[in-house]
Amino acid sequence: MERSPLVGPSLVPWSEDDFELLVACNSAEMTAHLGGPETHEQLVSRHRRYLDLEERGRMFRIVLDGDAVGAIGYWETIWRGEPAWETGWSVLPWFQGRGIAATAARLVVREARAADRHRQLHAFPSADHAASNGVCRKAGFTPGGEHDFEYPKGHWMRCNDWSVDLSAA
């Protein structure tokens, strides 16, 4: 029997119904490079922030063949004294290794470019997180070196700065 090819992932705007996806992405495995899992109260607060971004960014559910497989978004930050977009993502473990995050990152670049508000989109994966650094490379981000980065507050980590010039065609 021939299998039909999978349709690539798509981005769906974050909604009230996505809280359980946020919970699923909060495992020790999924947050090992981010300081560990958040409390229920922290997740509720994060969910509210995602819903309330408005013009300061946008969060998305990553959908593949009708299933929510992860989350990605972009939001305002200040990097080296200049306003910019920042992005971050998570893909559930059983969907990792299929190129979903890199495709979603390319899609979020388009979304951030269309917002037409900032010239740069940055990602700051942990320097020792090979998979997330690979996502940046595959999605066309340019490396900008290692930096100390506080995330979450009170937790310092060594990160790579990857960026995309959104003003480029």
N, C-alpha and C. Protein backbone atom coordinates (compact mmCIF):
# COMPACT_ATOMS: atom_id res chain seq x y z
N MET A 1 0.85 -1.18 0.00
CA MET A 1 0.00 0.00 0.00
C MET A 1 0.89 1.24 0.00
N GLU A 2 0.59 2.17 -0.87
CA GLU A 2 1.36 3.40 -0.97
C GLU A 2 0.88 4.41 0.06
N ARG A 3 1.85 5.03 0.73
CA ARG A 3 1.51 6.05 1.73
C ARG A 3 1.55 7.42 1.07
N SER A 4 0.61 8.25 1.42
CA SER A 4 0.63 9.61 0.89
C SER A 4 1.70 10.41 1.62
N PRO A 5 2.36 11.33 0.90
CA PRO A 5 3.41 12.12 1.54
C PRO A 5 2.82 13.05 2.60
N LEU A 6 3.61 13.31 3.62
CA LEU A 6 3.18 14.24 4.66
C LEU A 6 3.22 15.66 4.13
N VAL A 7 2.23 16.42 4.48
CA VAL A 7 2.22 17.84 4.17
C VAL A 7 3.09 18.51 5.23
N GLY A 8 3.87 19.50 4.82
CA GLY A 8 4.76 20.17 5.77
C GLY A 8 4.00 20.86 6.88
N PRO A 9 4.72 21.21 7.92
CA PRO A 9 4.07 21.89 9.05
C PRO A 9 3.55 23.27 8.66
N SER A 10 2.55 23.70 9.39
CA SER A 10 2.00 25.04 9.22
C SER A 10 1.93 25.71 10.58
N LEU A 11 1.77 27.02 10.57
CA LEU A 11 1.65 27.80 11.80
C LEU A 11 0.22 28.26 11.95
N VAL A 12 -0.32 28.05 13.15
CA VAL A 12 -1.67 28.46 13.49
C VAL A 12 -1.57 29.41 14.68
N PRO A 13 -2.19 30.59 14.62
CA PRO A 13 -2.08 31.52 15.75
C PRO A 13 -2.46 30.86 17.08
N TRP A 14 -1.70 31.22 18.10
CA TRP A 14 -1.91 30.71 19.46
C TRP A 14 -3.30 31.09 19.94
N SER A 15 -3.96 30.16 20.64
CA SER A 15 -5.31 30.43 21.13
C SER A 15 -5.47 29.93 22.57
N GLU A 16 -6.60 30.26 23.16
CA GLU A 16 -6.91 29.79 24.52
C GLU A 16 -6.76 28.28 24.64
N ASP A 17 -7.10 27.57 23.58
CA ASP A 17 -7.07 26.11 23.61
C ASP A 17 -5.67 25.51 23.60
N ASP A 18 -4.63 26.32 23.48
CA ASP A 18 -3.26 25.80 23.36
C ASP A 18 -2.52 25.62 24.69
N PHE A 19 -3.20 25.85 25.79
CA PHE A 19 -2.52 25.71 27.09
C PHE A 19 -1.96 24.30 27.28
N GLU A 20 -2.71 23.29 26.89
CA GLU A 20 -2.24 21.90 27.09
C GLU A 20 -0.98 21.62 26.27
N LEU A 21 -0.84 22.24 25.11
CA LEU A 21 0.39 22.11 24.33
C LEU A 21 1.55 22.72 25.10
N LEU A 22 1.32 23.86 25.73
CA LEU A 22 2.35 24.49 26.54
C LEU A 22 2.76 23.57 27.69
N VAL A 23 1.80 22.91 28.31
CA VAL A 23 2.08 21.95 29.38
C VAL A 23 2.92 20.79 28.83
N ALA A 24 2.54 20.27 27.67
CA ALA A 24 3.27 19.15 27.07
C ALA A 24 4.72 19.52 26.74
N CYS A 25 4.96 20.78 26.42
CA CYS A 25 6.32 21.24 26.09
C CYS A 25 7.13 21.59 27.33
N ASN A 26 6.59 21.36 28.51
CA ASN A 26 7.22 21.78 29.77
C ASN A 26 7.90 20.61 30.50
N SER A 27 8.21 19.55 29.81
CA SER A 27 8.85 18.40 30.45
C SER A 27 10.32 18.71 30.75
N ALA A 28 10.90 17.91 31.62
CA ALA A 28 12.33 18.06 31.93
C ALA A 28 13.16 17.91 30.67
N GLU A 29 12.80 16.96 29.82
CA GLU A 29 13.52 16.72 28.56
C GLU A 29 13.45 17.95 27.65
N MET A 30 12.28 18.55 27.56
CA MET A 30 12.07 19.68 26.65
C MET A 30 12.68 20.98 27.17
N THR A 31 12.90 21.09 28.46
CA THR A 31 13.40 22.35 29.04
C THR A 31 14.80 22.22 29.61
N ALA A 32 15.48 21.12 29.31
CA ALA A 32 16.82 20.88 29.87
C ALA A 32 17.80 22.01 29.55
N HIS A 33 17.67 22.65 28.39
CA HIS A 33 18.59 23.73 28.00
C HIS A 33 18.04 25.10 28.35
N LEU A 34 16.92 25.13 29.09
CA LEU A 34 16.26 26.39 29.42
C LEU A 34 16.06 26.60 30.91
N GLY A 35 16.80 25.88 31.72
CA GLY A 35 16.66 26.07 33.16
C GLY A 35 15.65 25.15 33.83
N GLY A 36 15.05 24.23 33.08
CA GLY A 36 14.12 23.27 33.68
C GLY A 36 12.67 23.68 33.56
N PRO A 37 11.77 22.76 33.93
CA PRO A 37 10.32 23.01 33.81
C PRO A 37 9.85 24.19 34.66
N GLU A 38 8.79 24.81 34.19
CA GLU A 38 8.16 25.90 34.92
C GLU A 38 7.03 25.35 35.79
N THR A 39 6.65 26.10 36.80
CA THR A 39 5.52 25.73 37.64
C THR A 39 4.21 25.96 36.88
N HIS A 40 3.13 25.42 37.39
CA HIS A 40 1.82 25.63 36.76
C HIS A 40 1.51 27.13 36.67
N GLU A 41 1.80 27.86 37.74
CA GLU A 41 1.53 29.31 37.74
C GLU A 41 2.36 30.02 36.67
N GLN A 42 3.61 29.62 36.51
CA GLN A 42 4.45 30.22 35.48
C GLN A 42 3.92 29.92 34.08
N LEU A 43 3.41 28.69 33.88
CA LEU A 43 2.83 28.33 32.59
C LEU A 43 1.57 29.14 32.30
N VAL A 44 0.73 29.33 33.31
CA VAL A 44 -0.47 30.14 33.14
C VAL A 44 -0.07 31.56 32.73
N SER A 45 0.94 32.11 33.38
CA SER A 45 1.41 33.45 33.06
C SER A 45 1.99 33.50 31.63
N ARG A 46 2.77 32.51 31.25
CA ARG A 46 3.34 32.44 29.90
C ARG A 46 2.20 32.37 28.85
N HIS A 47 1.22 31.53 29.10
CA HIS A 47 0.08 31.40 28.19
C HIS A 47 -0.61 32.75 28.00
N ARG A 48 -0.83 33.48 29.09
CA ARG A 48 -1.45 34.81 29.02
C ARG A 48 -0.58 35.75 28.18
N ARG A 49 0.74 35.71 28.41
CA ARG A 49 1.65 36.57 27.62
C ARG A 49 1.56 36.23 26.14
N TYR A 50 1.50 34.95 25.82
CA TYR A 50 1.38 34.54 24.41
C TYR A 50 0.10 35.09 23.80
N LEU A 51 -0.98 35.02 24.53
CA LEU A 51 -2.27 35.50 24.02
C LEU A 51 -2.31 37.02 23.90
N ASP A 52 -1.53 37.71 24.73
CA ASP A 52 -1.60 39.17 24.79
C ASP A 52 -0.49 39.88 24.03
N LEU A 53 0.25 39.19 23.19
CA LEU A 53 1.38 39.82 22.49
C LEU A 53 0.95 40.98 21.60
N GLU A 54 -0.15 40.84 20.87
CA GLU A 54 -0.65 41.85 19.94
C GLU A 54 0.44 42.30 18.99
N GLU A 55 0.73 43.58 18.87
CA GLU A 55 1.74 44.05 17.92
C GLU A 55 3.18 43.82 18.41
N ARG A 56 3.35 43.34 19.62
CA ARG A 56 4.69 43.09 20.17
C ARG A 56 5.23 41.72 19.79
N GLY A 57 4.52 41.02 18.91
CA GLY A 57 4.95 39.71 18.46
C GLY A 57 3.76 38.81 18.24
N ARG A 58 4.07 37.52 18.07
CA ARG A 58 2.99 36.56 17.83
C ARG A 58 3.49 35.15 18.12
N MET A 59 2.64 34.36 18.74
CA MET A 59 2.95 32.96 19.00
C MET A 59 2.07 32.09 18.12
N PHE A 60 2.60 30.89 17.81
CA PHE A 60 1.89 29.96 16.94
C PHE A 60 1.98 28.54 17.48
N ARG A 61 0.99 27.77 17.17
CA ARG A 61 1.01 26.33 17.35
C ARG A 61 1.55 25.78 16.03
N ILE A 62 2.51 24.85 16.09
CA ILE A 62 3.00 24.18 14.89
C ILE A 62 2.11 22.97 14.67
N VAL A 63 1.52 22.90 13.48
CA VAL A 63 0.58 21.82 13.17
C VAL A 63 1.13 21.00 12.00
N LEU A 64 1.07 19.69 12.16
CA LEU A 64 1.48 18.76 11.11
C LEU A 64 0.38 17.72 10.96
N ASP A 65 -0.17 17.63 9.77
CA ASP A 65 -1.25 16.67 9.49
C ASP A 65 -2.37 16.73 10.54
N GLY A 66 -2.71 17.95 10.94
CA GLY A 66 -3.81 18.16 11.87
C GLY A 66 -3.45 18.05 13.34
N ASP A 67 -2.22 17.63 13.64
CA ASP A 67 -1.79 17.47 15.03
C ASP A 67 -0.92 18.64 15.47
N ALA A 68 -1.13 19.11 16.69
CA ALA A 68 -0.25 20.11 17.29
C ALA A 68 1.04 19.39 17.67
N VAL A 69 2.17 19.83 17.10
CA VAL A 69 3.45 19.15 17.33
C VAL A 69 4.47 20.03 18.05
N GLY A 70 4.12 21.29 18.28
CA GLY A 70 5.05 22.19 18.95
C GLY A 70 4.56 23.61 18.91
N ALA A 71 5.45 24.51 19.30
CA ALA A 71 5.13 25.94 19.36
C ALA A 71 6.32 26.75 18.88
N ILE A 72 6.03 27.90 18.30
CA ILE A 72 7.07 28.82 17.84
C ILE A 72 6.47 30.22 17.85
N GLY A 73 7.31 31.21 17.95
CA GLY A 73 6.80 32.57 17.90
C GLY A 73 7.93 33.56 17.78
N TYR A 74 7.55 34.81 17.78
CA TYR A 74 8.51 35.90 17.80
C TYR A 74 7.95 37.01 18.68
N TRP A 75 8.84 37.73 19.33
CA TRP A 75 8.43 38.78 20.26
C TRP A 75 9.53 39.83 20.30
N GLU A 76 9.16 41.01 20.79
CA GLU A 76 10.11 42.11 20.83
C GLU A 76 11.15 41.91 21.93
N THR A 77 12.36 42.34 21.61
CA THR A 77 13.46 42.33 22.56
C THR A 77 14.36 43.51 22.22
N ILE A 78 15.29 43.78 23.10
CA ILE A 78 16.35 44.75 22.82
C ILE A 78 17.64 43.96 22.79
N TRP A 79 18.35 44.03 21.68
CA TRP A 79 19.62 43.32 21.55
C TRP A 79 20.68 44.31 21.13
N ARG A 80 21.71 44.44 21.98
CA ARG A 80 22.81 45.38 21.75
C ARG A 80 22.29 46.81 21.54
N GLY A 81 21.30 47.17 22.37
CA GLY A 81 20.76 48.52 22.37
C GLY A 81 19.77 48.83 21.27
N GLU A 82 19.45 47.86 20.44
CA GLU A 82 18.54 48.08 19.33
C GLU A 82 17.30 47.18 19.46
N PRO A 83 16.12 47.69 19.10
CA PRO A 83 14.94 46.83 19.11
C PRO A 83 15.05 45.77 18.00
N ALA A 84 14.59 44.59 18.31
CA ALA A 84 14.62 43.47 17.35
C ALA A 84 13.54 42.49 17.75
N TRP A 85 13.32 41.53 16.86
CA TRP A 85 12.47 40.38 17.19
C TRP A 85 13.38 39.28 17.72
N GLU A 86 12.83 38.49 18.62
CA GLU A 86 13.48 37.27 19.10
C GLU A 86 12.54 36.11 18.81
N THR A 87 13.08 34.95 18.51
CA THR A 87 12.26 33.78 18.28
C THR A 87 12.73 32.61 19.13
N GLY A 88 11.82 31.70 19.35
CA GLY A 88 12.13 30.47 20.07
C GLY A 88 11.07 29.44 19.72
N TRP A 89 11.38 28.17 19.90
CA TRP A 89 10.48 27.11 19.49
C TRP A 89 10.63 25.90 20.38
N SER A 90 9.67 25.03 20.29
CA SER A 90 9.77 23.70 20.91
C SER A 90 8.95 22.75 20.05
N VAL A 91 9.49 21.57 19.83
CA VAL A 91 8.81 20.52 19.09
C VAL A 91 8.76 19.31 20.00
N LEU A 92 7.59 18.73 20.15
CA LEU A 92 7.42 17.57 21.03
C LEU A 92 8.38 16.45 20.63
N PRO A 93 8.94 15.73 21.61
CA PRO A 93 10.01 14.76 21.34
C PRO A 93 9.69 13.75 20.25
N TRP A 94 8.49 13.24 20.19
CA TRP A 94 8.17 12.20 19.20
C TRP A 94 8.04 12.75 17.79
N PHE A 95 8.14 14.09 17.61
CA PHE A 95 8.13 14.69 16.28
C PHE A 95 9.49 15.30 15.92
N GLN A 96 10.46 15.21 16.81
CA GLN A 96 11.77 15.80 16.55
C GLN A 96 12.54 14.96 15.52
N GLY A 97 13.51 15.60 14.88
CA GLY A 97 14.36 14.92 13.92
C GLY A 97 13.77 14.80 12.53
N ARG A 98 12.67 15.49 12.27
CA ARG A 98 12.00 15.41 10.96
C ARG A 98 12.09 16.72 10.17
N GLY A 99 12.81 17.71 10.68
CA GLY A 99 12.90 19.00 10.00
C GLY A 99 11.75 19.93 10.29
N ILE A 100 10.89 19.57 11.22
CA ILE A 100 9.70 20.38 11.53
C ILE A 100 10.11 21.74 12.11
N ALA A 101 11.04 21.75 13.03
CA ALA A 101 11.45 23.02 13.66
C ALA A 101 12.09 23.96 12.64
N ALA A 102 12.94 23.43 11.76
CA ALA A 102 13.59 24.28 10.75
C ALA A 102 12.55 24.87 9.79
N THR A 103 11.59 24.06 9.38
CA THR A 103 10.53 24.58 8.50
C THR A 103 9.71 25.63 9.23
N ALA A 104 9.36 25.35 10.49
CA ALA A 104 8.59 26.33 11.27
C ALA A 104 9.39 27.62 11.46
N ALA A 105 10.70 27.51 11.65
CA ALA A 105 11.54 28.70 11.80
C ALA A 105 11.55 29.52 10.52
N ARG A 106 11.61 28.86 9.37
CA ARG A 106 11.53 29.59 8.10
C ARG A 106 10.18 30.30 7.97
N LEU A 107 9.11 29.63 8.40
CA LEU A 107 7.78 30.24 8.35
C LEU A 107 7.68 31.44 9.30
N VAL A 108 8.29 31.34 10.47
CA VAL A 108 8.21 32.45 11.42
C VAL A 108 9.06 33.63 10.94
N VAL A 109 10.12 33.36 10.18
CA VAL A 109 10.88 34.45 9.56
C VAL A 109 9.95 35.25 8.64
N ARG A 110 9.16 34.55 7.85
CA ARG A 110 8.20 35.23 6.95
C ARG A 110 7.20 36.05 7.74
N GLU A 111 6.71 35.50 8.85
CA GLU A 111 5.74 36.21 9.68
C GLU A 111 6.36 37.48 10.28
N ALA A 112 7.58 37.36 10.79
CA ALA A 112 8.25 38.52 11.40
C ALA A 112 8.55 39.57 10.33
N ARG A 113 8.96 39.12 9.16
CA ARG A 113 9.21 40.06 8.05
C ARG A 113 7.92 40.79 7.67
N ALA A 114 6.83 40.07 7.60
CA ALA A 114 5.54 40.67 7.24
C ALA A 114 5.06 41.66 8.28
N ALA A 115 5.45 41.47 9.54
CA ALA A 115 5.06 42.42 10.59
C ALA A 115 5.69 43.78 10.34
N ASP A 116 6.81 43.80 9.61
CA ASP A 116 7.46 45.04 9.15
C ASP A 116 7.69 46.04 10.27
N ARG A 117 8.23 45.53 11.37
CA ARG A 117 8.45 46.40 12.52
C ARG A 117 9.93 46.50 12.91
N HIS A 118 10.67 45.39 12.79
CA HIS A 118 12.08 45.37 13.15
C HIS A 118 12.90 44.77 12.02
N ARG A 119 14.15 45.17 11.97
CA ARG A 119 15.04 44.72 10.88
C ARG A 119 15.63 43.35 11.14
N GLN A 120 15.78 42.95 12.40
CA GLN A 120 16.45 41.70 12.74
C GLN A 120 15.53 40.76 13.51
N LEU A 121 15.72 39.46 13.25
CA LEU A 121 15.10 38.40 14.04
C LEU A 121 16.25 37.56 14.59
N HIS A 122 16.28 37.40 15.92
CA HIS A 122 17.37 36.65 16.57
C HIS A 122 16.82 35.40 17.24
N ALA A 123 17.66 34.39 17.30
CA ALA A 123 17.43 33.20 18.12
C ALA A 123 18.65 33.02 19.00
N PHE A 124 18.44 32.57 20.23
CA PHE A 124 19.53 32.44 21.20
C PHE A 124 19.54 31.04 21.81
N PRO A 125 19.80 30.00 21.03
CA PRO A 125 19.84 28.66 21.62
C PRO A 125 21.09 28.49 22.48
N SER A 126 20.97 27.64 23.47
CA SER A 126 22.11 27.30 24.31
C SER A 126 23.26 26.84 23.41
N ALA A 127 24.47 27.27 23.72
CA ALA A 127 25.62 26.92 22.89
C ALA A 127 25.83 25.42 22.82
N ASP A 128 25.39 24.69 23.83
CA ASP A 128 25.59 23.24 23.83
C ASP A 128 24.35 22.47 23.35
N HIS A 129 23.37 23.16 22.79
CA HIS A 129 22.16 22.50 22.29
C HIS A 129 22.31 22.33 20.77
N ALA A 130 22.94 21.23 20.37
CA ALA A 130 23.26 21.00 18.96
C ALA A 130 22.02 21.04 18.07
N ALA A 131 20.91 20.46 18.51
CA ALA A 131 19.71 20.40 17.68
C ALA A 131 19.17 21.80 17.37
N SER A 132 19.06 22.65 18.38
CA SER A 132 18.52 24.00 18.15
C SER A 132 19.47 24.85 17.32
N ASN A 133 20.76 24.67 17.52
CA ASN A 133 21.72 25.39 16.68
C ASN A 133 21.62 24.90 15.24
N GLY A 134 21.37 23.61 15.05
CA GLY A 134 21.16 23.06 13.71
C GLY A 134 19.91 23.61 13.06
N VAL A 135 18.86 23.82 13.85
CA VAL A 135 17.63 24.42 13.32
C VAL A 135 17.95 25.81 12.76
N CYS A 136 18.71 26.59 13.51
CA CYS A 136 19.07 27.94 13.06
C CYS A 136 19.82 27.88 11.74
N ARG A 137 20.79 26.99 11.67
CA ARG A 137 21.60 26.84 10.45
C ARG A 137 20.71 26.44 9.26
N LYS A 138 19.86 25.43 9.46
CA LYS A 138 18.99 24.94 8.38
C LYS A 138 17.94 25.96 7.97
N ALA A 139 17.54 26.82 8.89
CA ALA A 139 16.51 27.82 8.59
C ALA A 139 17.09 29.09 7.97
N GLY A 140 18.42 29.14 7.79
CA GLY A 140 19.03 30.27 7.11
C GLY A 140 19.46 31.42 8.00
N PHE A 141 19.53 31.18 9.31
CA PHE A 141 20.02 32.21 10.23
C PHE A 141 21.54 32.31 10.10
N THR A 142 22.09 33.47 10.39
CA THR A 142 23.53 33.72 10.34
C THR A 142 24.09 33.71 11.76
N PRO A 143 25.19 32.98 12.00
CA PRO A 143 25.76 32.95 13.36
C PRO A 143 26.41 34.28 13.72
N GLY A 144 26.26 34.67 15.00
CA GLY A 144 26.82 35.94 15.46
C GLY A 144 27.67 35.80 16.70
N GLY A 145 28.05 34.58 17.06
CA GLY A 145 28.93 34.37 18.20
C GLY A 145 28.21 33.98 19.47
N GLU A 146 29.02 33.63 20.47
CA GLU A 146 28.49 33.22 21.77
C GLU A 146 28.36 34.41 22.71
N HIS A 147 27.34 34.33 23.58
CA HIS A 147 27.07 35.39 24.55
C HIS A 147 26.49 34.77 25.81
N ASP A 148 26.68 35.45 26.94
CA ASP A 148 25.98 35.06 28.15
C ASP A 148 24.59 35.65 28.09
N PHE A 149 23.60 34.84 28.47
CA PHE A 149 22.21 35.24 28.30
C PHE A 149 21.46 34.79 29.53
N GLU A 150 20.62 35.65 30.08
CA GLU A 150 19.83 35.30 31.25
C GLU A 150 18.45 34.81 30.83
N TYR A 151 18.23 33.51 31.02
CA TYR A 151 16.92 32.93 30.74
C TYR A 151 16.80 31.59 31.44
N PRO A 152 15.73 31.41 32.19
CA PRO A 152 14.83 32.47 32.67
C PRO A 152 15.56 33.37 33.67
N LYS A 153 14.88 34.39 34.13
CA LYS A 153 15.51 35.34 35.06
C LYS A 153 16.19 34.59 36.20
N GLY A 154 17.45 34.97 36.46
CA GLY A 154 18.21 34.32 37.52
C GLY A 154 19.02 33.12 37.07
N HIS A 155 18.88 32.71 35.81
CA HIS A 155 19.58 31.55 35.27
C HIS A 155 20.41 32.00 34.07
N TRP A 156 21.73 32.02 34.23
CA TRP A 156 22.60 32.45 33.14
C TRP A 156 23.05 31.24 32.35
N MET A 157 23.10 31.42 31.06
CA MET A 157 23.54 30.34 30.18
C MET A 157 24.36 30.92 29.04
N ARG A 158 25.18 30.08 28.46
CA ARG A 158 25.99 30.48 27.29
C ARG A 158 25.16 30.16 26.05
N CYS A 159 24.90 31.18 25.23
CA CYS A 159 24.05 31.02 24.05
C CYS A 159 24.78 31.46 22.79
N ASN A 160 24.32 30.94 21.69
CA ASN A 160 24.74 31.43 20.39
C ASN A 160 23.71 32.43 19.90
N ASP A 161 24.19 33.50 19.30
CA ASP A 161 23.31 34.49 18.68
C ASP A 161 23.23 34.14 17.20
N TRP A 162 22.04 33.82 16.73
CA TRP A 162 21.77 33.58 15.32
C TRP A 162 20.78 34.64 14.87
N SER A 163 20.93 35.17 13.67
CA SER A 163 20.00 36.21 13.23
C SER A 163 19.67 36.11 11.74
N VAL A 164 18.58 36.76 11.40
CA VAL A 164 18.13 36.91 10.02
C VAL A 164 17.87 38.39 9.79
N ASP A 165 18.40 38.91 8.71
CA ASP A 165 18.13 40.29 8.33
C ASP A 165 16.78 40.30 7.61
N LEU A 166 15.78 40.85 8.25
CA LEU A 166 14.42 40.84 7.69
C LEU A 166 14.24 41.84 6.57
N SER A 167 15.18 42.77 6.41
CA SER A 167 15.06 43.73 5.33
C SER A 167 15.56 43.15 4.00
N ALA A 168 16.25 42.01 4.07
CA ALA A 168 16.74 41.36 2.86
C ALA A 168 15.57 40.67 2.16
N ALA A 169 15.61 40.68 0.84
CA ALA A 169 14.51 40.06 0.07
C ALA A 169 14.52 38.54 0.21
